[in-house]
Amino acid sequence: MNAVLGLNKLDFIKTQLAAYGGEKKGYGERLMIRCPYHSDNTPSGSLSLSPTFAGSFRCFACGAKANWDDLAPRLNLQPFKRGEPKEEYALNFMTSSHEATEEQEKLYQEDKFKFWDLPPNKRWRSIPTNLLIDLGGKLCVKWSDDYQCWGKTKFIYLPVMINGEQEGYFRARLKKEEDQPSYYNARGKWSFTQGLWPFDHSIALMRSLKSSTMILVEGQRDALRLINYGIPAMCIFGTQSVGKAKVKHLELAGVQRLLIMMDGDAAGISGTEKIIEAATGMFQLKTVKLWDMRGSPYRKFLSHENPTKAAKEAGVELWDPMCVPEWVLDSIKRKYF
């Protein structure tokens, strides 16, 4: 709470905006203003006035994002917390163009689907369908432009939501099939800058635990297992799509400590290094090294030139967050949550 004014953050921001002389248009819990990060002729910056995300800013034209304390000095208004404003107020997540286009406003391409409700109180590959329903999951079939008909294979459709806005989606197979991808991401660049799932759900879980710690994992089911265990977690959609633009979302949402829990193999080791490179200086960083823990199958193959390949050839399953023993999750939960 602002010690001087005795206001909560949302009330403080509203008080500041009452004195703001720039052009603004209200839409419920959202205020459109001219973006201070580029030469904006019409209001293209969206400022959240919701209690949960008060002061969260996003420009639909240049792609800049910021929290209130970073945005306020740009508007000649007061930040909620005292202190020197940061040198960098936002990251450009899209392009340098100042003209808003449909492609910039939506980073993913929406296909045509038919939807059905997921059945409650069931399980999908060990994950409760009730959790998937809470995350907006539905059964779907996709329209095929090539064959001009609806597909016969049903998938689970799950939206990727960040601060209440859909930034992308993916489809998951109902059953694992050999030589077939388990997931299909929406087309577009969204997974490189907005690919954190399930962002809103896990941020809410983190806050309910009165914590500022978040775990990052590689895959969707990895995140779901931890969440089902009561641990806030998000997947990054693979180790090749990590950068500062993506982890900035976490900083804006109040995450202060990151636990990096990649798979216990060579890709997980490499992915951990990439996340550390992107997140250094923004968070307290901790790594959960599934490849180097007591009992890890990876350690049995360290004498091989390629331990990951050797384990696969031997038919040994290496640890990942989905299959790691429960004592590992218990230890994490006790220590951090």
C-alpha atoms as a PDB file:
ATOM      1  CA  MET A   1       0.000   0.000   0.000  1.00  0.00           C
ATOM      2  CA  ASN A   2       1.272   3.503  -0.789  1.00  0.00           C
ATOM      3  CA  ALA A   3       2.374   4.807   2.595  1.00  0.00           C
ATOM      4  CA  VAL A   4       1.758   8.447   1.767  1.00  0.00           C
ATOM      5  CA  LEU A   5      -1.706   8.307   0.315  1.00  0.00           C
ATOM      6  CA  GLY A   6      -2.978   5.243   2.179  1.00  0.00           C
ATOM      7  CA  LEU A   7      -4.469   3.881  -1.041  1.00  0.00           C
ATOM      8  CA  ASN A   8      -4.353   0.408  -2.510  1.00  0.00           C
ATOM      9  CA  LYS A   9      -2.626   0.123  -5.861  1.00  0.00           C
ATOM     10  CA  LEU A  10      -5.757   0.250  -8.037  1.00  0.00           C
ATOM     11  CA  ASP A  11      -7.193   3.288  -6.230  1.00  0.00           C
ATOM     12  CA  PHE A  12      -3.805   4.999  -6.412  1.00  0.00           C
ATOM     13  CA  ILE A  13      -3.579   4.420 -10.171  1.00  0.00           C
ATOM     14  CA  LYS A  14      -7.111   5.715 -10.705  1.00  0.00           C
ATOM     15  CA  THR A  15      -6.246   8.843  -8.721  1.00  0.00           C
ATOM     16  CA  GLN A  16      -3.189   9.401 -10.882  1.00  0.00           C
ATOM     17  CA  LEU A  17      -5.131   8.853 -14.111  1.00  0.00           C
ATOM     18  CA  ALA A  18      -7.715  11.444 -13.064  1.00  0.00           C
ATOM     19  CA  ALA A  19      -4.933  14.002 -13.388  1.00  0.00           C
ATOM     20  CA  TYR A  20      -3.693  12.602 -16.704  1.00  0.00           C
ATOM     21  CA  GLY A  21      -4.403  15.073 -19.519  1.00  0.00           C
ATOM     22  CA  GLY A  22      -3.678  12.762 -22.431  1.00  0.00           C
ATOM     23  CA  GLU A  23      -6.291  11.102 -24.642  1.00  0.00           C
ATOM     24  CA  LYS A  24      -7.918   8.094 -23.006  1.00  0.00           C
ATOM     25  CA  LYS A  25     -10.879   5.822 -23.661  1.00  0.00           C
ATOM     26  CA  GLY A  26     -12.416   3.522 -21.058  1.00  0.00           C
ATOM     27  CA  TYR A  27     -13.624  -0.028 -21.788  1.00  0.00           C
ATOM     28  CA  GLY A  28     -14.710  -1.590 -18.501  1.00  0.00           C
ATOM     29  CA  GLU A  29     -11.571  -2.690 -16.648  1.00  0.00           C
ATOM     30  CA  ARG A  30      -9.340  -1.474 -19.471  1.00  0.00           C
ATOM     31  CA  LEU A  31      -8.227   2.037 -20.411  1.00  0.00           C
ATOM     32  CA  MET A  32      -6.816   2.828 -23.849  1.00  0.00           C
ATOM     33  CA  ILE A  33      -4.171   5.577 -23.896  1.00  0.00           C
ATOM     34  CA  ARG A  34      -1.563   6.839 -26.316  1.00  0.00           C
ATOM     35  CA  CYS A  35       1.518   4.683 -25.977  1.00  0.00           C
ATOM     36  CA  PRO A  36       4.480   6.620 -24.517  1.00  0.00           C
ATOM     37  CA  TYR A  37       6.995   4.197 -26.034  1.00  0.00           C
ATOM     38  CA  HIS A  38       6.478   5.288 -29.627  1.00  0.00           C
ATOM     39  CA  SER A  39       4.912   8.164 -31.576  1.00  0.00           C
ATOM     40  CA  ASP A  40       1.277   7.158 -31.135  1.00  0.00           C
ATOM     41  CA  ASN A  41      -1.400   9.150 -32.983  1.00  0.00           C
ATOM     42  CA  THR A  42      -4.390   7.270 -31.551  1.00  0.00           C
ATOM     43  CA  PRO A  43      -4.730   5.375 -28.250  1.00  0.00           C
ATOM     44  CA  SER A  44      -3.220   1.938 -28.871  1.00  0.00           C
ATOM     45  CA  GLY A  45      -1.923   1.243 -25.359  1.00  0.00           C
ATOM     46  CA  SER A  46      -4.075  -0.947 -23.108  1.00  0.00           C
ATOM     47  CA  LEU A  47      -3.855  -0.253 -19.359  1.00  0.00           C
ATOM     48  CA  SER A  48      -5.465  -2.752 -17.005  1.00  0.00           C
ATOM     49  CA  LEU A  49      -7.724  -1.414 -14.241  1.00  0.00           C
ATOM     50  CA  SER A  50      -8.622  -4.841 -12.893  1.00  0.00           C
ATOM     51  CA  PRO A  51      -7.828  -5.527  -9.215  1.00  0.00           C
ATOM     52  CA  THR A  52      -5.580  -8.471 -10.148  1.00  0.00           C
ATOM     53  CA  PHE A  53      -3.469  -6.791 -12.854  1.00  0.00           C
ATOM     54  CA  ALA A  54      -3.802  -3.120 -11.908  1.00  0.00           C
ATOM     55  CA  GLY A  55      -1.410  -0.993 -13.951  1.00  0.00           C
ATOM     56  CA  SER A  56      -0.318  -3.715 -16.374  1.00  0.00           C
ATOM     57  CA  PHE A  57       0.310  -2.043 -19.744  1.00  0.00           C
ATOM     58  CA  ARG A  58       0.490  -3.390 -23.285  1.00  0.00           C
ATOM     59  CA  CYS A  59       0.709  -1.532 -26.597  1.00  0.00           C
ATOM     60  CA  PHE A  60      -1.030  -3.199 -29.529  1.00  0.00           C
ATOM     61  CA  ALA A  61       0.964  -1.118 -32.015  1.00  0.00           C
ATOM     62  CA  CYS A  62       4.629  -1.346 -30.991  1.00  0.00           C
ATOM     63  CA  GLY A  63       4.283  -4.288 -28.598  1.00  0.00           C
ATOM     64  CA  ALA A  64       5.764  -2.554 -25.535  1.00  0.00           C
ATOM     65  CA  LYS A  65       4.788  -3.951 -22.143  1.00  0.00           C
ATOM     66  CA  ALA A  66       5.344  -2.495 -18.681  1.00  0.00           C
ATOM     67  CA  ASN A  67       4.033  -2.388 -15.148  1.00  0.00           C
ATOM     68  CA  TRP A  68       2.685   0.792 -13.536  1.00  0.00           C
ATOM     69  CA  ASP A  69       5.919   1.784 -11.800  1.00  0.00           C
ATOM     70  CA  ASP A  70       7.766   1.724 -15.118  1.00  0.00           C
ATOM     71  CA  LEU A  71       4.941   3.325 -17.106  1.00  0.00           C
ATOM     72  CA  ALA A  72       4.060   6.190 -14.739  1.00  0.00           C
ATOM     73  CA  PRO A  73       7.188   8.351 -15.292  1.00  0.00           C
ATOM     74  CA  ARG A  74       6.563   8.169 -19.038  1.00  0.00           C
ATOM     75  CA  LEU A  75       3.121   9.699 -18.451  1.00  0.00           C
ATOM     76  CA  ASN A  76       4.476  12.318 -16.009  1.00  0.00           C
ATOM     77  CA  LEU A  77       2.603  10.527 -13.217  1.00  0.00           C
ATOM     78  CA  GLN A  78       3.743   9.016  -9.948  1.00  0.00           C
ATOM     79  CA  PRO A  79       4.777   5.366  -9.526  1.00  0.00           C
ATOM     80  CA  PHE A  80       3.093   3.395  -6.776  1.00  0.00           C
ATOM     81  CA  LYS A  81       6.404   2.513  -5.136  1.00  0.00           C
ATOM     82  CA  ARG A  82       9.111   5.022  -4.461  1.00  0.00           C
ATOM     83  CA  GLY A  83      12.540   4.667  -5.985  1.00  0.00           C
ATOM     84  CA  GLU A  84      14.442   5.406  -9.146  1.00  0.00           C
ATOM     85  CA  PRO A  85      12.668   4.222 -12.301  1.00  0.00           C
ATOM     86  CA  LYS A  86      14.439   1.584 -14.329  1.00  0.00           C
ATOM     87  CA  GLU A  87      16.470   2.630 -17.354  1.00  0.00           C
ATOM     88  CA  GLU A  88      14.538   0.212 -19.550  1.00  0.00           C
ATOM     89  CA  TYR A  89      10.774   0.441 -19.193  1.00  0.00           C
ATOM     90  CA  ALA A  90       9.575  -2.105 -21.673  1.00  0.00           C
ATOM     91  CA  LEU A  91      10.550  -4.617 -24.341  1.00  0.00           C
ATOM     92  CA  ASN A  92       9.395  -4.488 -27.913  1.00  0.00           C
ATOM     93  CA  PHE A  93       7.881  -7.942 -28.421  1.00  0.00           C
ATOM     94  CA  MET A  94       6.768  -7.548 -32.015  1.00  0.00           C
ATOM     95  CA  THR A  95       8.232  -5.213 -34.635  1.00  0.00           C
ATOM     96  CA  SER A  96       9.596  -1.688 -34.836  1.00  0.00           C
ATOM     97  CA  SER A  97       6.682  -0.509 -36.969  1.00  0.00           C
ATOM     98  CA  HIS A  98       4.548   2.219 -35.442  1.00  0.00           C
ATOM     99  CA  GLU A  99       1.479   1.212 -37.410  1.00  0.00           C
ATOM    100  CA  ALA A 100      -0.768  -1.365 -35.767  1.00  0.00           C
ATOM    101  CA  THR A 101      -1.687  -4.238 -38.029  1.00  0.00           C
ATOM    102  CA  GLU A 102      -3.906  -7.253 -37.560  1.00  0.00           C
ATOM    103  CA  GLU A 103      -0.847  -9.502 -37.587  1.00  0.00           C
ATOM    104  CA  GLN A 104       0.805  -7.483 -34.816  1.00  0.00           C
ATOM    105  CA  GLU A 105      -2.301  -7.413 -32.647  1.00  0.00           C
ATOM    106  CA  LYS A 106      -2.627 -11.200 -32.804  1.00  0.00           C
ATOM    107  CA  LEU A 107       0.613 -13.150 -32.868  1.00  0.00           C
ATOM    108  CA  TYR A 108      -1.059 -16.457 -33.656  1.00  0.00           C
ATOM    109  CA  GLN A 109      -3.273 -17.724 -36.467  1.00  0.00           C
ATOM    110  CA  GLU A 110      -6.590 -19.154 -35.328  1.00  0.00           C
ATOM    111  CA  ASP A 111      -7.754 -22.229 -37.197  1.00  0.00           C
ATOM    112  CA  LYS A 112     -11.372 -23.299 -37.518  1.00  0.00           C
ATOM    113  CA  PHE A 113     -12.612 -25.746 -34.883  1.00  0.00           C
ATOM    114  CA  LYS A 114     -15.682 -27.513 -33.608  1.00  0.00           C
ATOM    115  CA  PHE A 115     -15.738 -27.741 -29.811  1.00  0.00           C
ATOM    116  CA  TRP A 116     -17.263 -30.036 -27.190  1.00  0.00           C
ATOM    117  CA  ASP A 117     -17.049 -29.903 -23.407  1.00  0.00           C
ATOM    118  CA  LEU A 118     -14.477 -32.124 -21.760  1.00  0.00           C
ATOM    119  CA  PRO A 119     -16.051 -34.756 -19.485  1.00  0.00           C
ATOM    120  CA  PRO A 120     -15.451 -33.937 -15.802  1.00  0.00           C
ATOM    121  CA  ASN A 121     -14.027 -36.319 -13.212  1.00  0.00           C
ATOM    122  CA  LYS A 122     -11.969 -38.261 -15.770  1.00  0.00           C
ATOM    123  CA  ARG A 123      -8.245 -38.456 -16.475  1.00  0.00           C
ATOM    124  CA  TRP A 124      -6.160 -37.561 -19.500  1.00  0.00           C
ATOM    125  CA  ARG A 125      -2.789 -39.308 -19.391  1.00  0.00           C
ATOM    126  CA  SER A 126      -2.902 -39.232 -15.560  1.00  0.00           C
ATOM    127  CA  ILE A 127      -4.021 -35.557 -15.427  1.00  0.00           C
ATOM    128  CA  PRO A 128      -7.528 -34.820 -14.032  1.00  0.00           C
ATOM    129  CA  THR A 129      -9.846 -33.438 -16.693  1.00  0.00           C
ATOM    130  CA  ASN A 130     -11.241 -31.091 -14.033  1.00  0.00           C
ATOM    131  CA  LEU A 131      -7.902 -29.260 -14.083  1.00  0.00           C
ATOM    132  CA  LEU A 132      -7.985 -29.045 -17.875  1.00  0.00           C
ATOM    133  CA  ILE A 133     -11.528 -27.663 -17.718  1.00  0.00           C
ATOM    134  CA  ASP A 134     -10.353 -24.994 -15.248  1.00  0.00           C
ATOM    135  CA  LEU A 135      -7.690 -24.034 -17.805  1.00  0.00           C
ATOM    136  CA  GLY A 136     -10.275 -23.591 -20.576  1.00  0.00           C
ATOM    137  CA  GLY A 137      -9.733 -26.998 -22.151  1.00  0.00           C
ATOM    138  CA  LYS A 138     -12.248 -28.406 -24.639  1.00  0.00           C
ATOM    139  CA  LEU A 139     -12.467 -31.303 -27.053  1.00  0.00           C
ATOM    140  CA  CYS A 140     -12.103 -30.237 -30.667  1.00  0.00           C
ATOM    141  CA  VAL A 141     -11.804 -31.288 -34.279  1.00  0.00           C
ATOM    142  CA  LYS A 142     -10.051 -29.067 -36.820  1.00  0.00           C
ATOM    143  CA  TRP A 143     -11.269 -27.981 -40.238  1.00  0.00           C
ATOM    144  CA  SER A 144      -9.006 -29.064 -43.100  1.00  0.00           C
ATOM    145  CA  ASP A 145      -8.656 -26.529 -45.904  1.00  0.00           C
ATOM    146  CA  ASP A 146      -6.857 -29.144 -48.005  1.00  0.00           C
ATOM    147  CA  TYR A 147      -9.747 -31.625 -47.903  1.00  0.00           C
ATOM    148  CA  GLN A 148     -12.579 -29.168 -47.217  1.00  0.00           C
ATOM    149  CA  CYS A 149     -13.924 -31.238 -44.339  1.00  0.00           C
ATOM    150  CA  TRP A 150     -13.700 -31.666 -40.582  1.00  0.00           C
ATOM    151  CA  GLY A 151     -10.940 -33.890 -39.255  1.00  0.00           C
ATOM    152  CA  LYS A 152     -11.881 -37.206 -37.667  1.00  0.00           C
ATOM    153  CA  THR A 153      -9.312 -37.118 -34.857  1.00  0.00           C
ATOM    154  CA  LYS A 154     -10.366 -35.388 -31.659  1.00  0.00           C
ATOM    155  CA  PHE A 155      -7.844 -33.323 -29.709  1.00  0.00           C
ATOM    156  CA  ILE A 156      -7.862 -31.350 -26.490  1.00  0.00           C
ATOM    157  CA  TYR A 157      -7.740 -27.615 -27.230  1.00  0.00           C
ATOM    158  CA  LEU A 158      -6.090 -25.441 -24.566  1.00  0.00           C
ATOM    159  CA  PRO A 159      -5.791 -21.637 -24.804  1.00  0.00           C
ATOM    160  CA  VAL A 160      -2.657 -19.794 -23.710  1.00  0.00           C
ATOM    161  CA  MET A 161      -3.841 -16.888 -21.555  1.00  0.00           C
ATOM    162  CA  ILE A 162      -1.654 -14.054 -20.275  1.00  0.00           C
ATOM    163  CA  ASN A 163      -3.298 -11.403 -18.116  1.00  0.00           C
ATOM    164  CA  GLY A 164      -6.732 -12.455 -19.282  1.00  0.00           C
ATOM    165  CA  GLU A 165      -5.924 -12.226 -23.008  1.00  0.00           C
ATOM    166  CA  GLN A 166      -5.480 -15.209 -25.308  1.00  0.00           C
ATOM    167  CA  GLU A 167      -2.015 -15.127 -26.857  1.00  0.00           C
ATOM    168  CA  GLY A 168      -2.012 -18.548 -28.529  1.00  0.00           C
ATOM    169  CA  TYR A 169      -3.200 -22.119 -28.131  1.00  0.00           C
ATOM    170  CA  PHE A 170      -2.163 -25.715 -28.617  1.00  0.00           C
ATOM    171  CA  ARG A 171      -3.868 -29.036 -29.289  1.00  0.00           C
ATOM    172  CA  ALA A 172      -2.996 -32.207 -27.391  1.00  0.00           C
ATOM    173  CA  ARG A 173      -3.582 -35.782 -28.543  1.00  0.00           C
ATOM    174  CA  LEU A 174      -5.960 -37.811 -26.416  1.00  0.00           C
ATOM    175  CA  LYS A 175      -3.511 -40.719 -26.465  1.00  0.00           C
ATOM    176  CA  LYS A 176       0.201 -40.911 -27.180  1.00  0.00           C
ATOM    177  CA  GLU A 177       0.914 -42.356 -30.619  1.00  0.00           C
ATOM    178  CA  GLU A 178       4.257 -43.570 -31.913  1.00  0.00           C
ATOM    179  CA  ASP A 179       5.898 -41.326 -34.524  1.00  0.00           C
ATOM    180  CA  GLN A 180       3.214 -38.646 -34.004  1.00  0.00           C
ATOM    181  CA  PRO A 181       3.622 -35.307 -32.174  1.00  0.00           C
ATOM    182  CA  SER A 182       1.761 -35.168 -28.871  1.00  0.00           C
ATOM    183  CA  TYR A 183       1.070 -31.435 -29.334  1.00  0.00           C
ATOM    184  CA  TYR A 184       0.368 -29.026 -32.157  1.00  0.00           C
ATOM    185  CA  ASN A 185       0.942 -25.327 -31.479  1.00  0.00           C
ATOM    186  CA  ALA A 186      -1.019 -22.586 -33.188  1.00  0.00           C
ATOM    187  CA  ARG A 187       0.838 -21.114 -36.136  1.00  0.00           C
ATOM    188  CA  GLY A 188       2.663 -17.848 -35.563  1.00  0.00           C
ATOM    189  CA  LYS A 189       5.461 -16.322 -33.504  1.00  0.00           C
ATOM    190  CA  TRP A 190       3.544 -16.279 -30.227  1.00  0.00           C
ATOM    191  CA  SER A 191       5.367 -19.231 -28.639  1.00  0.00           C
ATOM    192  CA  PHE A 192       8.693 -17.349 -28.749  1.00  0.00           C
ATOM    193  CA  THR A 193       7.466 -14.306 -26.804  1.00  0.00           C
ATOM    194  CA  GLN A 194       4.193 -15.329 -25.142  1.00  0.00           C
ATOM    195  CA  GLY A 195       4.769 -19.070 -24.758  1.00  0.00           C
ATOM    196  CA  LEU A 196       4.255 -19.552 -21.025  1.00  0.00           C
ATOM    197  CA  TRP A 197       1.471 -21.937 -19.973  1.00  0.00           C
ATOM    198  CA  PRO A 198      -0.663 -21.898 -17.939  1.00  0.00           C
ATOM    199  CA  PHE A 199       0.413 -18.360 -17.042  1.00  0.00           C
ATOM    200  CA  ASP A 200      -2.702 -16.886 -15.420  1.00  0.00           C
ATOM    201  CA  HIS A 201      -3.546 -20.051 -13.474  1.00  0.00           C
ATOM    202  CA  SER A 202      -0.032 -20.494 -12.085  1.00  0.00           C
ATOM    203  CA  ILE A 203       0.397 -16.830 -11.172  1.00  0.00           C
ATOM    204  CA  ALA A 204      -2.886 -17.059  -9.250  1.00  0.00           C
ATOM    205  CA  LEU A 205      -1.684 -20.251  -7.538  1.00  0.00           C
ATOM    206  CA  MET A 206       1.620 -18.600  -6.619  1.00  0.00           C
ATOM    207  CA  ARG A 207      -0.166 -15.624  -5.085  1.00  0.00           C
ATOM    208  CA  SER A 208      -2.589 -17.834  -3.177  1.00  0.00           C
ATOM    209  CA  LEU A 209       0.461 -19.447  -1.550  1.00  0.00           C
ATOM    210  CA  LYS A 210       1.776 -15.946  -0.694  1.00  0.00           C
ATOM    211  CA  SER A 211       4.853 -16.777  -2.723  1.00  0.00           C
ATOM    212  CA  SER A 212       6.886 -15.063  -5.422  1.00  0.00           C
ATOM    213  CA  THR A 213       8.510 -18.276  -6.703  1.00  0.00           C
ATOM    214  CA  MET A 214       7.694 -19.934 -10.032  1.00  0.00           C
ATOM    215  CA  ILE A 215       9.002 -23.161 -11.581  1.00  0.00           C
ATOM    216  CA  LEU A 216       9.745 -23.341 -15.300  1.00  0.00           C
ATOM    217  CA  VAL A 217       9.531 -26.706 -17.067  1.00  0.00           C
ATOM    218  CA  GLU A 218       9.780 -27.803 -20.690  1.00  0.00           C
ATOM    219  CA  GLY A 219       6.458 -29.427 -21.531  1.00  0.00           C
ATOM    220  CA  GLN A 220       2.747 -29.067 -20.896  1.00  0.00           C
ATOM    221  CA  ARG A 221       2.219 -32.271 -18.904  1.00  0.00           C
ATOM    222  CA  ASP A 222       5.287 -31.427 -16.816  1.00  0.00           C
ATOM    223  CA  ALA A 223       3.574 -28.210 -15.718  1.00  0.00           C
ATOM    224  CA  LEU A 224       0.255 -29.967 -15.148  1.00  0.00           C
ATOM    225  CA  ARG A 225       1.779 -32.584 -12.852  1.00  0.00           C
ATOM    226  CA  LEU A 226       3.386 -29.933 -10.653  1.00  0.00           C
ATOM    227  CA  ILE A 227       0.240 -27.795 -10.563  1.00  0.00           C
ATOM    228  CA  ASN A 228      -1.818 -30.840  -9.625  1.00  0.00           C
ATOM    229  CA  TYR A 229       0.708 -31.330  -6.810  1.00  0.00           C
ATOM    230  CA  GLY A 230       0.065 -27.782  -5.586  1.00  0.00           C
ATOM    231  CA  ILE A 231       3.265 -26.306  -7.046  1.00  0.00           C
ATOM    232  CA  PRO A 232       3.111 -23.181  -9.302  1.00  0.00           C
ATOM    233  CA  ALA A 233       4.688 -24.108 -12.640  1.00  0.00           C
ATOM    234  CA  MET A 234       4.693 -23.066 -16.288  1.00  0.00           C
ATOM    235  CA  CYS A 235       5.987 -24.746 -19.412  1.00  0.00           C
ATOM    236  CA  ILE A 236       8.129 -22.828 -21.911  1.00  0.00           C
ATOM    237  CA  PHE A 237       7.124 -24.868 -25.006  1.00  0.00           C
ATOM    238  CA  GLY A 238      10.579 -26.352 -25.478  1.00  0.00           C
ATOM    239  CA  THR A 239      14.108 -25.217 -24.792  1.00  0.00           C
ATOM    240  CA  GLN A 240      14.590 -23.483 -28.148  1.00  0.00           C
ATOM    241  CA  SER A 241      12.143 -20.655 -27.501  1.00  0.00           C
ATOM    242  CA  VAL A 242      13.485 -18.897 -24.418  1.00  0.00           C
ATOM    243  CA  GLY A 243      14.527 -15.247 -24.302  1.00  0.00           C
ATOM    244  CA  LYS A 244      14.222 -12.037 -22.311  1.00  0.00           C
ATOM    245  CA  ALA A 245      10.950 -11.123 -24.029  1.00  0.00           C
ATOM    246  CA  LYS A 246       9.322 -14.240 -22.639  1.00  0.00           C
ATOM    247  CA  VAL A 247      10.624 -14.127 -19.068  1.00  0.00           C
ATOM    248  CA  LYS A 248       9.736 -10.415 -18.845  1.00  0.00           C
ATOM    249  CA  HIS A 249       6.097 -11.497 -18.407  1.00  0.00           C
ATOM    250  CA  LEU A 250       7.083 -13.236 -15.191  1.00  0.00           C
ATOM    251  CA  GLU A 251       8.831 -10.181 -13.816  1.00  0.00           C
ATOM    252  CA  LEU A 252       5.824  -7.982 -14.555  1.00  0.00           C
ATOM    253  CA  ALA A 253       3.590 -10.475 -12.737  1.00  0.00           C
ATOM    254  CA  GLY A 254       5.643 -10.253  -9.554  1.00  0.00           C
ATOM    255  CA  VAL A 255       7.801 -13.372  -9.831  1.00  0.00           C
ATOM    256  CA  GLN A 256      11.049 -12.809  -7.950  1.00  0.00           C
ATOM    257  CA  ARG A 257      12.568 -16.289  -7.843  1.00  0.00           C
ATOM    258  CA  LEU A 258      12.717 -18.809 -10.687  1.00  0.00           C
ATOM    259  CA  LEU A 259      13.260 -22.518 -10.175  1.00  0.00           C
ATOM    260  CA  ILE A 260      14.479 -23.998 -13.449  1.00  0.00           C
ATOM    261  CA  MET A 261      13.437 -27.656 -13.733  1.00  0.00           C
ATOM    262  CA  MET A 262      14.226 -28.878 -17.223  1.00  0.00           C
ATOM    263  CA  ASP A 263      14.317 -32.532 -18.259  1.00  0.00           C
ATOM    264  CA  GLY A 264      17.157 -34.682 -16.961  1.00  0.00           C
ATOM    265  CA  ASP A 265      18.922 -35.084 -20.310  1.00  0.00           C
ATOM    266  CA  ALA A 266      21.254 -33.206 -22.651  1.00  0.00           C
ATOM    267  CA  ALA A 267      18.457 -30.973 -23.956  1.00  0.00           C
ATOM    268  CA  GLY A 268      17.475 -30.121 -20.385  1.00  0.00           C
ATOM    269  CA  ILE A 269      21.053 -29.155 -19.524  1.00  0.00           C
ATOM    270  CA  SER A 270      21.263 -26.913 -22.593  1.00  0.00           C
ATOM    271  CA  GLY A 271      17.816 -25.432 -21.923  1.00  0.00           C
ATOM    272  CA  THR A 272      18.763 -24.597 -18.351  1.00  0.00           C
ATOM    273  CA  GLU A 273      21.769 -22.638 -19.590  1.00  0.00           C
ATOM    274  CA  LYS A 274      19.590 -20.669 -22.021  1.00  0.00           C
ATOM    275  CA  ILE A 275      17.064 -19.737 -19.340  1.00  0.00           C
ATOM    276  CA  ILE A 276      19.850 -18.633 -16.997  1.00  0.00           C
ATOM    277  CA  GLU A 277      21.266 -16.445 -19.769  1.00  0.00           C
ATOM    278  CA  ALA A 278      17.854 -14.857 -20.425  1.00  0.00           C
ATOM    279  CA  ALA A 279      16.839 -14.404 -16.783  1.00  0.00           C
ATOM    280  CA  THR A 280      20.086 -13.368 -15.061  1.00  0.00           C
ATOM    281  CA  GLY A 281      19.681 -10.015 -13.372  1.00  0.00           C
ATOM    282  CA  MET A 282      15.884 -10.245 -13.316  1.00  0.00           C
ATOM    283  CA  PHE A 283      15.291 -13.022 -10.757  1.00  0.00           C
ATOM    284  CA  GLN A 284      16.844 -15.098  -8.036  1.00  0.00           C
ATOM    285  CA  LEU A 285      17.710 -18.260  -9.955  1.00  0.00           C
ATOM    286  CA  LYS A 286      17.754 -21.826  -8.684  1.00  0.00           C
ATOM    287  CA  THR A 287      18.184 -24.979 -10.740  1.00  0.00           C
ATOM    288  CA  VAL A 288      16.688 -28.397 -10.078  1.00  0.00           C
ATOM    289  CA  LYS A 289      19.212 -30.647 -11.845  1.00  0.00           C
ATOM    290  CA  LEU A 290      17.277 -33.800 -12.603  1.00  0.00           C
ATOM    291  CA  TRP A 291      20.321 -35.136 -14.457  1.00  0.00           C
ATOM    292  CA  ASP A 292      22.563 -34.846 -11.393  1.00  0.00           C
ATOM    293  CA  MET A 293      20.325 -35.738  -8.442  1.00  0.00           C
ATOM    294  CA  ARG A 294      20.597 -38.747  -6.184  1.00  0.00           C
ATOM    295  CA  GLY A 295      19.090 -41.698  -8.043  1.00  0.00           C
ATOM    296  CA  SER A 296      18.975 -39.947 -11.419  1.00  0.00           C
ATOM    297  CA  PRO A 297      19.222 -42.505 -14.287  1.00  0.00           C
ATOM    298  CA  TYR A 298      21.343 -40.020 -16.256  1.00  0.00           C
ATOM    299  CA  ARG A 299      24.248 -40.477 -13.855  1.00  0.00           C
ATOM    300  CA  LYS A 300      24.532 -44.161 -14.771  1.00  0.00           C
ATOM    301  CA  PHE A 301      25.564 -43.219 -18.310  1.00  0.00           C
ATOM    302  CA  LEU A 302      28.091 -40.458 -17.614  1.00  0.00           C
ATOM    303  CA  SER A 303      30.942 -42.635 -18.890  1.00  0.00           C
ATOM    304  CA  HIS A 304      29.356 -42.597 -22.366  1.00  0.00           C
ATOM    305  CA  GLU A 305      30.139 -39.904 -24.905  1.00  0.00           C
ATOM    306  CA  ASN A 306      26.412 -39.198 -25.260  1.00  0.00           C
ATOM    307  CA  PRO A 307      24.618 -40.203 -22.039  1.00  0.00           C
ATOM    308  CA  THR A 308      21.182 -39.309 -23.388  1.00  0.00           C
ATOM    309  CA  LYS A 309      21.605 -41.495 -26.463  1.00  0.00           C
ATOM    310  CA  ALA A 310      23.080 -44.336 -24.422  1.00  0.00           C
ATOM    311  CA  ALA A 311      20.139 -44.276 -22.020  1.00  0.00           C
ATOM    312  CA  LYS A 312      17.671 -44.390 -24.900  1.00  0.00           C
ATOM    313  CA  GLU A 313      19.467 -47.323 -26.530  1.00  0.00           C
ATOM    314  CA  ALA A 314      19.362 -49.143 -23.177  1.00  0.00           C
ATOM    315  CA  GLY A 315      15.624 -48.507 -22.855  1.00  0.00           C
ATOM    316  CA  VAL A 316      16.081 -46.414 -19.706  1.00  0.00           C
ATOM    317  CA  GLU A 317      13.660 -43.540 -19.088  1.00  0.00           C
ATOM    318  CA  LEU A 318      15.452 -40.414 -17.914  1.00  0.00           C
ATOM    319  CA  TRP A 319      13.815 -38.210 -15.318  1.00  0.00           C
ATOM    320  CA  ASP A 320      11.626 -35.287 -16.253  1.00  0.00           C
ATOM    321  CA  PRO A 321       9.080 -33.386 -14.108  1.00  0.00           C
ATOM    322  CA  MET A 322       6.338 -35.762 -15.270  1.00  0.00           C
ATOM    323  CA  CYS A 323       8.036 -38.969 -14.087  1.00  0.00           C
ATOM    324  CA  VAL A 324      10.431 -37.807 -11.366  1.00  0.00           C
ATOM    325  CA  PRO A 325       9.845 -39.545  -7.988  1.00  0.00           C
ATOM    326  CA  GLU A 326       7.443 -37.834  -5.613  1.00  0.00           C
ATOM    327  CA  TRP A 327      10.161 -37.273  -3.010  1.00  0.00           C
ATOM    328  CA  VAL A 328      11.661 -34.677  -5.355  1.00  0.00           C
ATOM    329  CA  LEU A 329       8.359 -32.784  -5.561  1.00  0.00           C
ATOM    330  CA  ASP A 330       7.869 -33.107  -1.805  1.00  0.00           C
ATOM    331  CA  SER A 331      11.299 -31.605  -1.230  1.00  0.00           C
ATOM    332  CA  ILE A 332      10.580 -28.671  -3.550  1.00  0.00           C
ATOM    333  CA  LYS A 333       7.216 -28.037  -1.954  1.00  0.00           C
ATOM    334  CA  ARG A 334       8.643 -28.044   1.576  1.00  0.00           C
ATOM    335  CA  LYS A 335      11.554 -25.781   0.713  1.00  0.00           C
ATOM    336  CA  TYR A 336       9.853 -23.178  -1.483  1.00  0.00           C
ATOM    337  CA  PHE A 337       6.092 -23.352  -0.929  1.00  0.00           C
END
